[in-house]
Amino acid sequence: MHKQAEEGRNAVRQVRRDANDRLKKLLKDHKISEDDERKGLETIQKATDEHIKSIDELQKKKDAELLG
């Protein structure tokens, strides 16, 4: 179970990296402002944190079921 949870966290982090890279490219191409990039990065980080927290909670719940 731990391995699957870690794979899930890695997948979420990869999506975050891809999204951050897209925002940086948009900024470099002058299609968005620095403020928009900063807001986008913050939104992406919040979503990443929420998903990782959800994965962690599910892992704890499953571990408790298996052990108890």
N, C-alpha and C. Protein backbone atom coordinates (compact mmCIF):
# COMPACT_ATOMS: atom_id res chain seq x y z
N MET A 1 0.83 -1.20 0.00
CA MET A 1 0.00 0.00 0.00
C MET A 1 0.88 1.26 0.00
N HIS A 2 1.96 1.21 0.75
CA HIS A 2 2.83 2.39 0.84
C HIS A 2 3.40 2.74 -0.53
N LYS A 3 3.77 1.72 -1.30
CA LYS A 3 4.34 1.95 -2.63
C LYS A 3 3.32 2.63 -3.55
N GLN A 4 2.07 2.20 -3.49
CA GLN A 4 1.03 2.79 -4.33
C GLN A 4 0.77 4.24 -3.94
N ALA A 5 0.78 4.51 -2.65
CA ALA A 5 0.57 5.88 -2.18
C ALA A 5 1.71 6.78 -2.66
N GLU A 6 2.93 6.27 -2.57
CA GLU A 6 4.09 7.06 -3.02
C GLU A 6 4.01 7.30 -4.53
N GLU A 7 3.59 6.32 -5.28
CA GLU A 7 3.42 6.51 -6.73
C GLU A 7 2.37 7.57 -7.01
N GLY A 8 1.30 7.57 -6.23
CA GLY A 8 0.25 8.58 -6.38
C GLY A 8 0.79 9.98 -6.09
N ARG A 9 1.55 10.10 -5.01
CA ARG A 9 2.14 11.40 -4.67
C ARG A 9 3.09 11.87 -5.77
N ASN A 10 3.88 10.94 -6.32
CA ASN A 10 4.80 11.30 -7.41
C ASN A 10 4.04 11.74 -8.64
N ALA A 11 2.92 11.09 -8.94
CA ALA A 11 2.12 11.48 -10.11
C ALA A 11 1.56 12.89 -9.92
N VAL A 12 1.09 13.19 -8.72
CA VAL A 12 0.56 14.53 -8.43
C VAL A 12 1.68 15.57 -8.59
N ARG A 13 2.84 15.25 -8.08
CA ARG A 13 3.97 16.19 -8.19
C ARG A 13 4.38 16.41 -9.65
N GLN A 14 4.30 15.36 -10.47
CA GLN A 14 4.64 15.51 -11.89
C GLN A 14 3.64 16.42 -12.60
N VAL A 15 2.38 16.29 -12.26
CA VAL A 15 1.36 17.18 -12.83
C VAL A 15 1.65 18.62 -12.42
N ARG A 16 2.04 18.81 -11.16
CA ARG A 16 2.39 20.15 -10.68
C ARG A 16 3.56 20.71 -11.48
N ARG A 17 4.60 19.91 -11.69
CA ARG A 17 5.76 20.38 -12.46
C ARG A 17 5.35 20.78 -13.88
N ASP A 18 4.53 19.95 -14.51
CA ASP A 18 4.08 20.25 -15.87
C ASP A 18 3.29 21.56 -15.92
N ALA A 19 2.39 21.73 -14.96
CA ALA A 19 1.59 22.95 -14.92
C ALA A 19 2.45 24.17 -14.65
N ASN A 20 3.40 24.06 -13.73
CA ASN A 20 4.30 25.17 -13.44
C ASN A 20 5.13 25.53 -14.66
N ASP A 21 5.60 24.51 -15.38
CA ASP A 21 6.38 24.77 -16.59
C ASP A 21 5.55 25.50 -17.65
N ARG A 22 4.30 25.12 -17.76
CA ARG A 22 3.42 25.80 -18.74
C ARG A 22 3.23 27.27 -18.36
N LEU A 23 3.03 27.52 -17.06
CA LEU A 23 2.88 28.91 -16.62
C LEU A 23 4.14 29.72 -16.91
N LYS A 24 5.29 29.14 -16.63
CA LYS A 24 6.55 29.84 -16.88
C LYS A 24 6.75 30.12 -18.36
N LYS A 25 6.32 29.19 -19.22
CA LYS A 25 6.43 29.40 -20.66
C LYS A 25 5.49 30.53 -21.10
N LEU A 26 4.28 30.55 -20.55
CA LEU A 26 3.34 31.63 -20.88
C LEU A 26 3.91 32.98 -20.46
N LEU A 27 4.54 33.03 -19.29
CA LEU A 27 5.14 34.27 -18.83
C LEU A 27 6.28 34.68 -19.77
N LYS A 28 7.11 33.73 -20.12
CA LYS A 28 8.25 34.00 -21.01
C LYS A 28 7.78 34.51 -22.37
N ASP A 29 6.65 33.96 -22.84
CA ASP A 29 6.09 34.38 -24.14
C ASP A 29 5.23 35.64 -24.02
N HIS A 30 5.20 36.22 -22.82
CA HIS A 30 4.45 37.46 -22.55
C HIS A 30 2.95 37.30 -22.79
N LYS A 31 2.44 36.11 -22.51
CA LYS A 31 1.00 35.86 -22.66
C LYS A 31 0.26 36.04 -21.34
N ILE A 32 1.00 36.04 -20.22
CA ILE A 32 0.42 36.33 -18.91
C ILE A 32 1.37 37.25 -18.15
N SER A 33 0.81 37.92 -17.15
CA SER A 33 1.64 38.82 -16.34
C SER A 33 2.32 38.04 -15.21
N GLU A 34 3.27 38.68 -14.56
CA GLU A 34 3.94 38.05 -13.42
C GLU A 34 2.95 37.78 -12.29
N ASP A 35 1.99 38.70 -12.10
CA ASP A 35 0.97 38.48 -11.07
C ASP A 35 0.13 37.25 -11.39
N ASP A 36 -0.25 37.10 -12.66
CA ASP A 36 -1.03 35.92 -13.05
C ASP A 36 -0.23 34.64 -12.85
N GLU A 37 1.06 34.70 -13.15
CA GLU A 37 1.90 33.52 -12.95
C GLU A 37 1.95 33.17 -11.46
N ARG A 38 2.17 34.17 -10.62
CA ARG A 38 2.26 33.94 -9.18
C ARG A 38 0.95 33.35 -8.64
N LYS A 39 -0.18 33.91 -9.08
CA LYS A 39 -1.48 33.39 -8.64
C LYS A 39 -1.67 31.95 -9.12
N GLY A 40 -1.27 31.69 -10.35
CA GLY A 40 -1.39 30.34 -10.88
C GLY A 40 -0.53 29.35 -10.12
N LEU A 41 0.71 29.74 -9.81
CA LEU A 41 1.60 28.87 -9.05
C LEU A 41 1.03 28.58 -7.66
N GLU A 42 0.44 29.59 -7.04
CA GLU A 42 -0.15 29.40 -5.71
C GLU A 42 -1.35 28.46 -5.79
N THR A 43 -2.18 28.62 -6.81
CA THR A 43 -3.35 27.76 -6.98
C THR A 43 -2.92 26.32 -7.23
N ILE A 44 -1.92 26.15 -8.06
CA ILE A 44 -1.40 24.80 -8.35
C ILE A 44 -0.85 24.17 -7.08
N GLN A 45 -0.12 24.94 -6.27
CA GLN A 45 0.46 24.40 -5.04
C GLN A 45 -0.63 23.99 -4.06
N LYS A 46 -1.69 24.81 -3.94
CA LYS A 46 -2.78 24.47 -3.04
C LYS A 46 -3.46 23.18 -3.47
N ALA A 47 -3.70 23.03 -4.78
CA ALA A 47 -4.32 21.81 -5.28
C ALA A 47 -3.42 20.60 -5.04
N THR A 48 -2.12 20.79 -5.24
CA THR A 48 -1.16 19.70 -5.00
C THR A 48 -1.20 19.29 -3.54
N ASP A 49 -1.16 20.26 -2.65
CA ASP A 49 -1.19 19.97 -1.22
C ASP A 49 -2.46 19.22 -0.82
N GLU A 50 -3.61 19.63 -1.38
CA GLU A 50 -4.87 18.97 -1.06
C GLU A 50 -4.87 17.52 -1.53
N HIS A 51 -4.37 17.28 -2.72
CA HIS A 51 -4.37 15.92 -3.25
C HIS A 51 -3.39 15.02 -2.49
N ILE A 52 -2.24 15.55 -2.14
CA ILE A 52 -1.27 14.76 -1.38
C ILE A 52 -1.83 14.46 0.01
N LYS A 53 -2.50 15.43 0.61
CA LYS A 53 -3.11 15.21 1.92
C LYS A 53 -4.17 14.11 1.83
N SER A 54 -4.94 14.14 0.76
CA SER A 54 -5.97 13.12 0.56
C SER A 54 -5.34 11.73 0.42
N ILE A 55 -4.27 11.64 -0.35
CA ILE A 55 -3.56 10.36 -0.52
C ILE A 55 -3.03 9.88 0.83
N ASP A 56 -2.44 10.79 1.60
CA ASP A 56 -1.90 10.42 2.91
C ASP A 56 -3.00 9.91 3.84
N GLU A 57 -4.16 10.58 3.83
CA GLU A 57 -5.27 10.16 4.67
C GLU A 57 -5.78 8.78 4.28
N LEU A 58 -5.88 8.55 2.97
CA LEU A 58 -6.32 7.24 2.51
C LEU A 58 -5.33 6.14 2.89
N GLN A 59 -4.05 6.46 2.82
CA GLN A 59 -3.03 5.49 3.19
C GLN A 59 -3.12 5.17 4.68
N LYS A 60 -3.29 6.18 5.52
CA LYS A 60 -3.41 5.95 6.96
C LYS A 60 -4.64 5.09 7.27
N LYS A 61 -5.75 5.39 6.60
CA LYS A 61 -6.98 4.64 6.82
C LYS A 61 -6.78 3.18 6.42
N LYS A 62 -6.17 2.95 5.27
CA LYS A 62 -5.96 1.59 4.79
C LYS A 62 -4.97 0.84 5.70
N ASP A 63 -3.91 1.52 6.13
CA ASP A 63 -2.96 0.90 7.05
C ASP A 63 -3.64 0.48 8.35
N ALA A 64 -4.53 1.33 8.85
CA ALA A 64 -5.24 1.01 10.08
C ALA A 64 -6.16 -0.21 9.88
N GLU A 65 -6.79 -0.29 8.70
CA GLU A 65 -7.65 -1.43 8.40
C GLU A 65 -6.82 -2.72 8.35
N LEU A 66 -5.66 -2.64 7.74
CA LEU A 66 -4.82 -3.84 7.59
C LEU A 66 -4.22 -4.28 8.91
N LEU A 67 -3.89 -3.32 9.76
CA LEU A 67 -3.26 -3.66 11.03
C LEU A 67 -4.27 -3.96 12.13
N GLY A 68 -5.46 -3.41 12.01
CA GLY A 68 -6.40 -3.55 13.11
C GLY A 68 -7.53 -4.41 12.78
